[in-house]
């Protein structure tokens, strides 16, 4: 018997990469994430970059952000979600 796991898109992977790095994904989502990495070089590169950013910056909390920086980040993510979302061309 073969179990079917729904495919994860690049956009979905980008949206949950932090949860993956912090080991907060369900077993099913972690499996989907890792299966996607098995065939998507772009997302493997993105994951490496996110690990480097995390390692270089340490932990960033919402409380540690200046209000201007928080607003700028929120605006950037709002615009990103309205746009292509980082999908491959």
PDB file of N, CA and C in Angstrom:
ATOM      1  N   UNK A   1       0.837  -1.176   0.000  1.00  0.00           N
ATOM      2  CA  UNK A   1       0.000   0.000   0.000  1.00  0.00           C
ATOM      3  C   UNK A   1       0.887   1.246   0.000  1.00  0.00           C
ATOM      4  N   UNK A   2       0.610   2.169  -0.889  1.00  0.00           N
ATOM      5  CA  UNK A   2       1.382   3.399  -1.004  1.00  0.00           C
ATOM      6  C   UNK A   2       0.576   4.550  -0.409  1.00  0.00           C
ATOM      7  N   UNK A   3       1.187   5.283   0.516  1.00  0.00           N
ATOM      8  CA  UNK A   3       0.527   6.437   1.114  1.00  0.00           C
ATOM      9  C   UNK A   3       0.771   7.662   0.259  1.00  0.00           C
ATOM     10  N   UNK A   4      -0.258   8.451   0.067  1.00  0.00           N
ATOM     11  CA  UNK A   4      -0.146   9.657  -0.731  1.00  0.00           C
ATOM     12  C   UNK A   4      -0.053  10.876   0.178  1.00  0.00           C
ATOM     13  N   UNK A   5       0.957  11.686  -0.054  1.00  0.00           N
ATOM     14  CA  UNK A   5       1.149  12.921   0.708  1.00  0.00           C
ATOM     15  C   UNK A   5       0.951  14.073  -0.260  1.00  0.00           C
ATOM     16  N   UNK A   6       0.026  15.002   0.039  1.00  0.00           N
ATOM     17  CA  UNK A   6      -0.196  16.131  -0.879  1.00  0.00           C
ATOM     18  C   UNK A   6       1.074  16.951  -1.084  1.00  0.00           C
ATOM     19  N   UNK A   7       1.288  17.363  -2.315  1.00  0.00           N
ATOM     20  CA  UNK A   7       2.471  18.150  -2.659  1.00  0.00           C
ATOM     21  C   UNK A   7       2.431  19.515  -1.970  1.00  0.00           C
ATOM     22  N   UNK A   8       3.589  20.030  -1.666  1.00  0.00           N
ATOM     23  CA  UNK A   8       3.746  21.349  -1.062  1.00  0.00           C
ATOM     24  C   UNK A   8       4.306  22.276  -2.133  1.00  0.00           C
ATOM     25  N   UNK A   9       3.699  23.430  -2.317  1.00  0.00           N
ATOM     26  CA  UNK A   9       4.202  24.385  -3.309  1.00  0.00           C
ATOM     27  C   UNK A   9       5.373  25.175  -2.726  1.00  0.00           C
ATOM     28  N   UNK A  10       6.113  25.832  -3.596  1.00  0.00           N
ATOM     29  CA  UNK A  10       7.215  26.684  -3.143  1.00  0.00           C
ATOM     30  C   UNK A  10       6.691  27.780  -2.213  1.00  0.00           C
ATOM     31  N   UNK A  11       5.589  28.356  -2.576  1.00  0.00           N
ATOM     32  CA  UNK A  11       5.011  29.431  -1.756  1.00  0.00           C
ATOM     33  C   UNK A  11       4.648  28.923  -0.359  1.00  0.00           C
ATOM     34  N   UNK A  12       4.035  27.745  -0.284  1.00  0.00           N
ATOM     35  CA  UNK A  12       3.696  27.174   1.025  1.00  0.00           C
ATOM     36  C   UNK A  12       4.956  26.915   1.850  1.00  0.00           C
ATOM     37  N   UNK A  13       6.004  26.417   1.198  1.00  0.00           N
ATOM     38  CA  UNK A  13       7.250  26.157   1.904  1.00  0.00           C
ATOM     39  C   UNK A  13       7.809  27.441   2.499  1.00  0.00           C
ATOM     40  N   UNK A  14       7.823  28.503   1.712  1.00  0.00           N
ATOM     41  CA  UNK A  14       8.324  29.792   2.195  1.00  0.00           C
ATOM     42  C   UNK A  14       7.523  30.263   3.406  1.00  0.00           C
ATOM     43  N   UNK A  15       6.219  30.035   3.380  1.00  0.00           N
ATOM     44  CA  UNK A  15       5.356  30.492   4.464  1.00  0.00           C
ATOM     45  C   UNK A  15       5.579  29.729   5.769  1.00  0.00           C
ATOM     46  N   UNK A  16       6.070  28.484   5.684  1.00  0.00           N
ATOM     47  CA  UNK A  16       6.235  27.689   6.908  1.00  0.00           C
ATOM     48  C   UNK A  16       7.688  27.382   7.257  1.00  0.00           C
ATOM     49  N   UNK A  17       8.624  28.005   6.551  1.00  0.00           N
ATOM     50  CA  UNK A  17      10.036  27.682   6.777  1.00  0.00           C
ATOM     51  C   UNK A  17      10.470  27.968   8.216  1.00  0.00           C
ATOM     52  N   UNK A  18       9.959  29.031   8.823  1.00  0.00           N
ATOM     53  CA  UNK A  18      10.336  29.337  10.202  1.00  0.00           C
ATOM     54  C   UNK A  18       9.841  28.250  11.142  1.00  0.00           C
ATOM     55  N   UNK A  19       8.618  27.789  10.931  1.00  0.00           N
ATOM     56  CA  UNK A  19       8.094  26.698  11.760  1.00  0.00           C
ATOM     57  C   UNK A  19       8.934  25.438  11.579  1.00  0.00           C
ATOM     58  N   UNK A  20       9.398  25.192  10.364  1.00  0.00           N
ATOM     59  CA  UNK A  20      10.272  24.041  10.117  1.00  0.00           C
ATOM     60  C   UNK A  20      11.571  24.180  10.900  1.00  0.00           C
ATOM     61  N   UNK A  21      12.196  25.344  10.798  1.00  0.00           N
ATOM     62  CA  UNK A  21      13.467  25.567  11.488  1.00  0.00           C
ATOM     63  C   UNK A  21      13.324  25.503  13.005  1.00  0.00           C
ATOM     64  N   UNK A  22      12.149  25.824  13.510  1.00  0.00           N
ATOM     65  CA  UNK A  22      11.905  25.804  14.955  1.00  0.00           C
ATOM     66  C   UNK A  22      11.205  24.530  15.402  1.00  0.00           C
ATOM     67  N   UNK A  23      11.140  23.528  14.516  1.00  0.00           N
ATOM     68  CA  UNK A  23      10.561  22.212  14.816  1.00  0.00           C
ATOM     69  C   UNK A  23       9.131  22.315  15.339  1.00  0.00           C
ATOM     70  N   UNK A  24       8.331  23.183  14.703  1.00  0.00           N
ATOM     71  CA  UNK A  24       6.936  23.372  15.117  1.00  0.00           C
ATOM     72  C   UNK A  24       5.940  22.823  14.105  1.00  0.00           C
ATOM     73  N   UNK A  25       6.389  22.035  13.139  1.00  0.00           N
ATOM     74  CA  UNK A  25       5.478  21.475  12.141  1.00  0.00           C
ATOM     75  C   UNK A  25       4.960  20.116  12.597  1.00  0.00           C
ATOM     76  N   UNK A  26       3.755  19.806  12.151  1.00  0.00           N
ATOM     77  CA  UNK A  26       3.222  18.463  12.391  1.00  0.00           C
ATOM     78  C   UNK A  26       4.069  17.469  11.593  1.00  0.00           C
ATOM     79  N   UNK A  27       3.943  16.216  11.915  1.00  0.00           N
ATOM     80  CA  UNK A  27       4.688  15.183  11.187  1.00  0.00           C
ATOM     81  C   UNK A  27       4.324  15.226   9.703  1.00  0.00           C
ATOM     82  N   UNK A  28       3.039  15.398   9.401  1.00  0.00           N
ATOM     83  CA  UNK A  28       2.605  15.447   8.000  1.00  0.00           C
ATOM     84  C   UNK A  28       3.210  16.646   7.267  1.00  0.00           C
ATOM     85  N   UNK A  29       3.169  17.824   7.878  1.00  0.00           N
ATOM     86  CA  UNK A  29       3.724  19.010   7.222  1.00  0.00           C
ATOM     87  C   UNK A  29       5.239  18.920   7.089  1.00  0.00           C
ATOM     88  N   UNK A  30       5.898  18.374   8.093  1.00  0.00           N
ATOM     89  CA  UNK A  30       7.351  18.201   8.009  1.00  0.00           C
ATOM     90  C   UNK A  30       7.708  17.246   6.870  1.00  0.00           C
ATOM     91  N   UNK A  31       6.928  16.180   6.732  1.00  0.00           N
ATOM     92  CA  UNK A  31       7.154  15.223   5.649  1.00  0.00           C
ATOM     93  C   UNK A  31       6.970  15.892   4.295  1.00  0.00           C
ATOM     94  N   UNK A  32       5.889  16.653   4.137  1.00  0.00           N
ATOM     95  CA  UNK A  32       5.639  17.371   2.884  1.00  0.00           C
ATOM     96  C   UNK A  32       6.777  18.344   2.593  1.00  0.00           C
ATOM     97  N   UNK A  33       7.233  19.054   3.619  1.00  0.00           N
ATOM     98  CA  UNK A  33       8.322  20.022   3.489  1.00  0.00           C
ATOM     99  C   UNK A  33       9.583  19.318   2.979  1.00  0.00           C
ATOM    100  N   UNK A  34       9.939  18.227   3.625  1.00  0.00           N
ATOM    101  CA  UNK A  34      11.179  17.530   3.273  1.00  0.00           C
ATOM    102  C   UNK A  34      11.079  16.835   1.921  1.00  0.00           C
ATOM    103  N   UNK A  35       9.903  16.339   1.562  1.00  0.00           N
ATOM    104  CA  UNK A  35       9.730  15.756   0.225  1.00  0.00           C
ATOM    105  C   UNK A  35       9.920  16.826  -0.846  1.00  0.00           C
ATOM    106  N   UNK A  36       9.378  18.010  -0.612  1.00  0.00           N
ATOM    107  CA  UNK A  36       9.537  19.111  -1.569  1.00  0.00           C
ATOM    108  C   UNK A  36      11.015  19.465  -1.732  1.00  0.00           C
ATOM    109  N   UNK A  37      11.741  19.515  -0.621  1.00  0.00           N
ATOM    110  CA  UNK A  37      13.170  19.820  -0.694  1.00  0.00           C
ATOM    111  C   UNK A  37      13.928  18.797  -1.539  1.00  0.00           C
ATOM    112  N   UNK A  38      13.417  17.568  -1.562  1.00  0.00           N
ATOM    113  CA  UNK A  38      14.074  16.506  -2.323  1.00  0.00           C
ATOM    114  C   UNK A  38      14.131  16.768  -3.820  1.00  0.00           C
ATOM    115  N   UNK A  39      13.207  17.559  -4.341  1.00  0.00           N
ATOM    116  CA  UNK A  39      13.208  17.810  -5.787  1.00  0.00           C
ATOM    117  C   UNK A  39      13.312  19.282  -6.172  1.00  0.00           C
ATOM    118  N   UNK A  40      13.357  20.191  -5.198  1.00  0.00           N
ATOM    119  CA  UNK A  40      13.364  21.617  -5.535  1.00  0.00           C
ATOM    120  C   UNK A  40      14.655  22.296  -5.059  1.00  0.00           C
ATOM    121  N   UNK A  41      15.557  22.500  -5.985  1.00  0.00           N
ATOM    122  CA  UNK A  41      16.842  23.144  -5.668  1.00  0.00           C
ATOM    123  C   UNK A  41      16.632  24.562  -5.147  1.00  0.00           C
ATOM    124  N   UNK A  42      15.666  25.287  -5.732  1.00  0.00           N
ATOM    125  CA  UNK A  42      15.391  26.660  -5.308  1.00  0.00           C
ATOM    126  C   UNK A  42      15.049  26.690  -3.824  1.00  0.00           C
ATOM    127  N   UNK A  43      14.198  25.794  -3.383  1.00  0.00           N
ATOM    128  CA  UNK A  43      13.790  25.791  -1.974  1.00  0.00           C
ATOM    129  C   UNK A  43      14.907  25.298  -1.059  1.00  0.00           C
ATOM    130  N   UNK A  44      15.748  24.396  -1.538  1.00  0.00           N
ATOM    131  CA  UNK A  44      16.910  23.993  -0.726  1.00  0.00           C
ATOM    132  C   UNK A  44      17.827  25.189  -0.521  1.00  0.00           C
ATOM    133  N   UNK A  45      18.023  25.976  -1.575  1.00  0.00           N
ATOM    134  CA  UNK A  45      18.838  27.187  -1.463  1.00  0.00           C
ATOM    135  C   UNK A  45      18.203  28.166  -0.486  1.00  0.00           C
ATOM    136  N   UNK A  46      16.890  28.349  -0.602  1.00  0.00           N
ATOM    137  CA  UNK A  46      16.168  29.259   0.303  1.00  0.00           C
ATOM    138  C   UNK A  46      16.314  28.806   1.755  1.00  0.00           C
ATOM    139  N   UNK A  47      16.178  27.523   2.008  1.00  0.00           N
ATOM    140  CA  UNK A  47      16.323  27.003   3.373  1.00  0.00           C
ATOM    141  C   UNK A  47      17.739  27.254   3.899  1.00  0.00           C
ATOM    142  N   UNK A  48      18.749  27.032   3.069  1.00  0.00           N
ATOM    143  CA  UNK A  48      20.130  27.328   3.492  1.00  0.00           C
ATOM    144  C   UNK A  48      20.284  28.804   3.846  1.00  0.00           C
ATOM    145  N   UNK A  49      19.713  29.670   3.014  1.00  0.00           N
ATOM    146  CA  UNK A  49      19.796  31.111   3.270  1.00  0.00           C
ATOM    147  C   UNK A  49      19.092  31.478   4.573  1.00  0.00           C
ATOM    148  N   UNK A  50      17.942  30.910   4.810  1.00  0.00           N
ATOM    149  CA  UNK A  50      17.200  31.202   6.047  1.00  0.00           C
ATOM    150  C   UNK A  50      17.969  30.720   7.277  1.00  0.00           C
ATOM    151  N   UNK A  51      18.633  29.583   7.163  1.00  0.00           N
ATOM    152  CA  UNK A  51      19.463  29.100   8.279  1.00  0.00           C
ATOM    153  C   UNK A  51      20.616  30.067   8.540  1.00  0.00           C
ATOM    154  N   UNK A  52      21.225  30.567   7.466  1.00  0.00           N
ATOM    155  CA  UNK A  52      22.323  31.520   7.619  1.00  0.00           C
ATOM    156  C   UNK A  52      21.837  32.805   8.276  1.00  0.00           C
ATOM    157  N   UNK A  53      20.691  33.300   7.863  1.00  0.00           N
ATOM    158  CA  UNK A  53      20.126  34.513   8.463  1.00  0.00           C
ATOM    159  C   UNK A  53      19.854  34.284   9.942  1.00  0.00           C
ATOM    160  N   UNK A  54      19.210  33.173  10.259  1.00  0.00           N
ATOM    161  CA  UNK A  54      18.904  32.852  11.659  1.00  0.00           C
ATOM    162  C   UNK A  54      20.188  32.770  12.489  1.00  0.00           C
ATOM    163  N   UNK A  55      21.194  32.101  11.955  1.00  0.00           N
ATOM    164  CA  UNK A  55      22.451  31.950  12.690  1.00  0.00           C
ATOM    165  C   UNK A  55      23.171  33.285  12.854  1.00  0.00           C
ATOM    166  N   UNK A  56      23.088  34.142  11.844  1.00  0.00           N
ATOM    167  CA  UNK A  56      23.782  35.431  11.893  1.00  0.00           C
ATOM    168  C   UNK A  56      23.083  36.445  12.786  1.00  0.00           C
ATOM    169  N   UNK A  57      21.767  36.371  12.855  1.00  0.00           N
ATOM    170  CA  UNK A  57      21.024  37.391  13.596  1.00  0.00           C
ATOM    171  C   UNK A  57      20.586  36.953  14.977  1.00  0.00           C
ATOM    172  N   UNK A  58      20.586  35.691  15.241  1.00  0.00           N
ATOM    173  CA  UNK A  58      20.079  35.222  16.524  1.00  0.00           C
ATOM    174  C   UNK A  58      18.574  35.306  16.548  1.00  0.00           C
ATOM    175  N   UNK A  59      18.014  35.408  17.731  1.00  0.00           N
ATOM    176  CA  UNK A  59      16.555  35.449  17.865  1.00  0.00           C
ATOM    177  C   UNK A  59      16.070  36.886  17.854  1.00  0.00           C
ATOM    178  N   UNK A  60      15.103  37.130  17.023  1.00  0.00           N
ATOM    179  CA  UNK A  60      14.510  38.462  16.919  1.00  0.00           C
ATOM    180  C   UNK A  60      13.073  38.354  17.396  1.00  0.00           C
ATOM    181  N   UNK A  61      12.738  39.129  18.405  1.00  0.00           N
ATOM    182  CA  UNK A  61      11.374  39.096  18.922  1.00  0.00           C
ATOM    183  C   UNK A  61      10.626  40.341  18.480  1.00  0.00           C
ATOM    184  N   UNK A  62       9.313  40.240  18.463  1.00  0.00           N
ATOM    185  CA  UNK A  62       8.485  41.382  18.087  1.00  0.00           C
ATOM    186  C   UNK A  62       8.739  42.561  19.027  1.00  0.00           C
ATOM    187  N   UNK A  63       8.924  42.258  20.293  1.00  0.00           N
ATOM    188  CA  UNK A  63       9.133  43.315  21.279  1.00  0.00           C
ATOM    189  C   UNK A  63      10.457  44.060  21.079  1.00  0.00           C
ATOM    190  N   UNK A  64      11.428  43.407  20.454  1.00  0.00           N
ATOM    191  CA  UNK A  64      12.738  44.037  20.272  1.00  0.00           C
ATOM    192  C   UNK A  64      12.782  44.962  19.053  1.00  0.00           C
ATOM    193  N   UNK A  65      11.745  44.950  18.237  1.00  0.00           N
ATOM    194  CA  UNK A  65      11.710  45.788  17.035  1.00  0.00           C
ATOM    195  C   UNK A  65      11.227  47.199  17.355  1.00  0.00           C
ATOM    196  N   UNK A  66      11.860  48.169  16.727  1.00  0.00           N
ATOM    197  CA  UNK A  66      11.357  49.541  16.806  1.00  0.00           C
ATOM    198  C   UNK A  66      10.031  49.575  16.059  1.00  0.00           C
ATOM    199  N   UNK A  67       9.082  50.396  16.489  1.00  0.00           N
ATOM    200  CA  UNK A  67       7.772  50.455  15.812  1.00  0.00           C
ATOM    201  C   UNK A  67       7.885  50.695  14.308  1.00  0.00           C
ATOM    202  N   UNK A  68       8.831  51.540  13.888  1.00  0.00           N
ATOM    203  CA  UNK A  68       9.002  51.812  12.460  1.00  0.00           C
ATOM    204  C   UNK A  68       9.437  50.557  11.712  1.00  0.00           C
ATOM    205  N   UNK A  69      10.348  49.802  12.306  1.00  0.00           N
ATOM    206  CA  UNK A  69      10.835  48.573  11.672  1.00  0.00           C
ATOM    207  C   UNK A  69       9.717  47.545  11.590  1.00  0.00           C
ATOM    208  N   UNK A  70       8.943  47.420  12.646  1.00  0.00           N
ATOM    209  CA  UNK A  70       7.820  46.478  12.653  1.00  0.00           C
ATOM    210  C   UNK A  70       6.822  46.834  11.554  1.00  0.00           C
ATOM    211  N   UNK A  71       6.473  48.100  11.444  1.00  0.00           N
ATOM    212  CA  UNK A  71       5.530  48.531  10.419  1.00  0.00           C
ATOM    213  C   UNK A  71       6.069  48.297   9.010  1.00  0.00           C
ATOM    214  N   UNK A  72       7.357  48.545   8.821  1.00  0.00           N
ATOM    215  CA  UNK A  72       7.978  48.324   7.505  1.00  0.00           C
ATOM    216  C   UNK A  72       7.947  46.841   7.137  1.00  0.00           C
ATOM    217  N   UNK A  73       8.235  45.973   8.091  1.00  0.00           N
ATOM    218  CA  UNK A  73       8.197  44.533   7.828  1.00  0.00           C
ATOM    219  C   UNK A  73       6.780  44.066   7.520  1.00  0.00           C
ATOM    220  N   UNK A  74       5.826  44.525   8.301  1.00  0.00           N
ATOM    221  CA  UNK A  74       4.432  44.144   8.052  1.00  0.00           C
ATOM    222  C   UNK A  74       3.975  44.594   6.668  1.00  0.00           C
ATOM    223  N   UNK A  75       4.349  45.806   6.272  1.00  0.00           N
ATOM    224  CA  UNK A  75       3.981  46.309   4.949  1.00  0.00           C
ATOM    225  C   UNK A  75       4.638  45.474   3.845  1.00  0.00           C
ATOM    226  N   UNK A  76       5.901  45.117   4.043  1.00  0.00           N
ATOM    227  CA  UNK A  76       6.611  44.312   3.041  1.00  0.00           C
ATOM    228  C   UNK A  76       5.950  42.954   2.875  1.00  0.00           C
ATOM    229  N   UNK A  77       5.565  42.315   3.964  1.00  0.00           N
ATOM    230  CA  UNK A  77       4.933  41.004   3.866  1.00  0.00           C
ATOM    231  C   UNK A  77       3.529  41.104   3.287  1.00  0.00           C
ATOM    232  N   UNK A  78       2.820  42.170   3.597  1.00  0.00           N
ATOM    233  CA  UNK A  78       1.496  42.369   3.010  1.00  0.00           C
ATOM    234  C   UNK A  78       1.626  42.491   1.494  1.00  0.00           C
ATOM    235  N   UNK A  79       2.586  43.296   1.040  1.00  0.00           N
ATOM    236  CA  UNK A  79       2.813  43.472  -0.398  1.00  0.00           C
ATOM    237  C   UNK A  79       3.245  42.159  -1.041  1.00  0.00           C
ATOM    238  N   UNK A  80       4.095  41.399  -0.353  1.00  0.00           N
ATOM    239  CA  UNK A  80       4.581  40.125  -0.878  1.00  0.00           C
ATOM    240  C   UNK A  80       3.416  39.161  -1.068  1.00  0.00           C
ATOM    241  N   UNK A  81       2.529  39.084  -0.081  1.00  0.00           N
ATOM    242  CA  UNK A  81       1.402  38.163  -0.175  1.00  0.00           C
ATOM    243  C   UNK A  81       0.447  38.556  -1.308  1.00  0.00           C
ATOM    244  N   UNK A  82       0.353  39.833  -1.613  1.00  0.00           N
ATOM    245  CA  UNK A  82      -0.496  40.291  -2.717  1.00  0.00           C
ATOM    246  C   UNK A  82       0.147  40.014  -4.068  1.00  0.00           C
ATOM    247  N   UNK A  83       1.482  39.923  -4.084  1.00  0.00           N
ATOM    248  CA  UNK A  83       2.210  39.739  -5.339  1.00  0.00           C
ATOM    249  C   UNK A  83       2.376  38.267  -5.683  1.00  0.00           C
ATOM    250  N   UNK A  84       3.503  37.969  -6.271  1.00  0.00           N
ATOM    251  CA  UNK A  84       3.759  36.610  -6.760  1.00  0.00           C
ATOM    252  C   UNK A  84       4.086  35.652  -5.628  1.00  0.00           C
ATOM    253  N   UNK A  85       4.477  36.174  -4.468  1.00  0.00           N
ATOM    254  CA  UNK A  85       4.760  35.295  -3.346  1.00  0.00           C
ATOM    255  C   UNK A  85       6.036  34.502  -3.488  1.00  0.00           C
ATOM    256  N   UNK A  86       6.913  34.958  -4.373  1.00  0.00           N
ATOM    257  CA  UNK A  86       8.184  34.254  -4.510  1.00  0.00           C
ATOM    258  C   UNK A  86       8.112  32.998  -5.346  1.00  0.00           C
ATOM    259  N   UNK A  87       7.024  32.815  -6.056  1.00  0.00           N
ATOM    260  CA  UNK A  87       6.921  31.640  -6.920  1.00  0.00           C
ATOM    261  C   UNK A  87       8.008  31.690  -7.972  1.00  0.00           C
ATOM    262  N   UNK A  88       8.463  30.523  -8.377  1.00  0.00           N
ATOM    263  CA  UNK A  88       9.449  30.443  -9.444  1.00  0.00           C
ATOM    264  C   UNK A  88       8.807  30.904 -10.746  1.00  0.00           C
ATOM    265  N   UNK A  89       9.601  31.547 -11.624  1.00  0.00           N
ATOM    266  CA  UNK A  89       9.048  31.991 -12.921  1.00  0.00           C
ATOM    267  C   UNK A  89       8.627  30.817 -13.774  1.00  0.00           C
TER     268      UNK A  89
END
